[in-house]
């Protein structure tokens, strides 16, 4: 499965929207399957943008992430990626450019654009 940065951004928005201190469980994002969301939640944990309290799953079913919260880095990334016009520019200049990037390099690019 390919990484979809739009889905990453939508998941981060859903997590931020949760007011409960214990976090949100696997969010439902319109237009994406449970499998796509579970895969991208794994990527978000790996990148340090979210933390989870537990992962529940079983044979032939998608993992359910329980107690999802943004990390400090997740807050920083979402704040930098919040503006739709800046996000579109990031997709054109960094994400879809064919040049490899990391979450950290994308965040640095977004922050640099905000300061311009």
Protein backbone atom coordinates (compact mmCIF):
# COMPACT_ATOMS: atom_id res chain seq x y z
CA UNK A 1 0.00 0.00 0.00
CA UNK A 2 1.25 3.49 -0.81
CA UNK A 3 1.51 6.26 1.72
CA UNK A 4 -1.21 8.87 1.19
CA UNK A 5 -0.31 12.18 2.78
CA UNK A 6 -3.85 13.51 2.41
CA UNK A 7 -5.08 10.60 4.52
CA UNK A 8 -2.28 11.23 7.02
CA UNK A 9 -3.46 14.83 7.34
CA UNK A 10 -7.12 13.81 7.71
CA UNK A 11 -6.29 11.28 10.43
CA UNK A 12 -4.31 13.90 12.35
CA UNK A 13 -7.27 16.30 12.06
CA UNK A 14 -9.65 13.62 13.38
CA UNK A 15 -7.36 12.88 16.32
CA UNK A 16 -7.04 16.57 17.16
CA UNK A 17 -10.84 17.02 17.04
CA UNK A 18 -11.29 14.49 19.86
CA UNK A 19 -11.81 16.33 23.13
CA UNK A 20 -11.39 13.28 25.38
CA UNK A 21 -8.09 13.12 27.26
CA UNK A 22 -7.90 9.35 26.69
CA UNK A 23 -7.90 9.92 22.92
CA UNK A 24 -9.85 8.59 20.00
CA UNK A 25 -10.16 5.03 18.75
CA UNK A 26 -9.53 4.16 15.09
CA UNK A 27 -11.23 7.03 13.27
CA UNK A 28 -13.56 6.69 10.31
CA UNK A 29 -12.41 8.88 7.42
CA UNK A 30 -14.90 9.21 4.58
CA UNK A 31 -13.59 7.83 1.29
CA UNK A 32 -11.02 5.49 2.88
CA UNK A 33 -11.26 1.83 3.86
CA UNK A 34 -10.52 0.43 7.32
CA UNK A 35 -7.45 -1.22 5.82
CA UNK A 36 -6.11 2.07 4.45
CA UNK A 37 -6.74 3.84 7.75
CA UNK A 38 -5.11 1.06 9.81
CA UNK A 39 -2.03 1.10 7.57
CA UNK A 40 -1.67 4.86 7.86
CA UNK A 41 -2.18 4.76 11.63
CA UNK A 42 0.78 2.37 11.75
CA UNK A 43 2.82 4.84 9.70
CA UNK A 44 1.84 7.68 12.04
CA UNK A 45 2.95 5.68 15.08
CA UNK A 46 6.22 4.78 13.35
CA UNK A 47 6.87 8.44 12.49
CA UNK A 48 6.18 9.59 16.04
CA UNK A 49 3.23 11.83 15.10
CA UNK A 50 0.71 9.88 17.19
CA UNK A 51 0.81 7.60 20.20
CA UNK A 52 -1.65 4.83 20.98
CA UNK A 53 -2.54 3.15 24.24
CA UNK A 54 -3.35 -0.24 22.70
CA UNK A 55 -3.84 -2.08 19.43
CA UNK A 56 -6.52 -4.74 19.20
CA UNK A 57 -6.85 -7.08 16.27
CA UNK A 58 -7.40 -10.60 15.32
CA UNK A 59 -7.16 -13.14 12.59
CA UNK A 60 -8.21 -11.65 9.24
CA UNK A 61 -9.42 -8.35 10.64
CA UNK A 62 -7.88 -4.90 10.67
CA UNK A 63 -6.11 -3.68 13.77
CA UNK A 64 -8.09 -1.23 15.87
CA UNK A 65 -6.02 1.49 17.45
CA UNK A 66 -7.26 2.49 20.91
CA UNK A 67 -6.56 5.74 22.74
CA UNK A 68 -4.92 7.66 19.89
CA UNK A 69 -3.41 11.04 20.77
CA UNK A 70 -1.18 13.48 18.93
CA UNK A 71 2.41 13.77 20.08
CA UNK A 72 4.23 17.09 20.29
CA UNK A 73 5.62 16.43 16.80
CA UNK A 74 2.14 15.51 15.58
CA UNK A 75 0.80 18.85 16.85
CA UNK A 76 3.66 20.67 15.10
CA UNK A 77 3.06 18.83 11.84
CA UNK A 78 -0.69 19.43 11.87
CA UNK A 79 -0.27 23.12 12.73
CA UNK A 80 2.13 23.54 9.81
CA UNK A 81 -0.11 21.55 7.41
CA UNK A 82 -3.42 23.10 8.48
CA UNK A 83 -3.73 25.77 5.76
CA UNK A 84 -5.32 24.28 2.61
CA UNK A 85 -3.47 26.52 0.14
CA UNK A 86 -0.12 25.81 1.79
CA UNK A 87 -0.92 22.07 1.82
CA UNK A 88 -1.70 22.21 -1.92
CA UNK A 89 1.62 23.95 -2.51
CA UNK A 90 3.42 21.32 -0.40
CA UNK A 91 1.84 18.54 -2.43
CA UNK A 92 2.96 20.14 -5.70
CA UNK A 93 6.46 21.10 -4.54
CA UNK A 94 7.42 18.26 -2.21
CA UNK A 95 5.02 15.33 -2.01
CA UNK A 96 4.16 14.83 -5.70
CA UNK A 97 7.48 16.09 -7.08
CA UNK A 98 8.98 12.62 -7.40
CA UNK A 99 11.76 13.51 -4.99
CA UNK A 100 11.87 11.40 -1.84
CA UNK A 101 10.96 13.12 1.40
CA UNK A 102 10.61 12.37 5.08
CA UNK A 103 7.98 13.64 7.47
CA UNK A 104 10.70 15.75 9.09
CA UNK A 105 11.77 17.30 5.77
CA UNK A 106 8.13 18.00 4.84
CA UNK A 107 7.56 19.63 8.23
CA UNK A 108 10.70 21.75 7.78
CA UNK A 109 9.50 22.83 4.32
CA UNK A 110 6.03 23.73 5.65
CA UNK A 111 7.50 25.72 8.55
CA UNK A 112 9.83 27.59 6.18
CA UNK A 113 6.86 28.54 4.00
CA UNK A 114 4.93 29.85 7.01
CA UNK A 115 7.88 32.09 7.92
CA UNK A 116 8.14 33.56 4.40
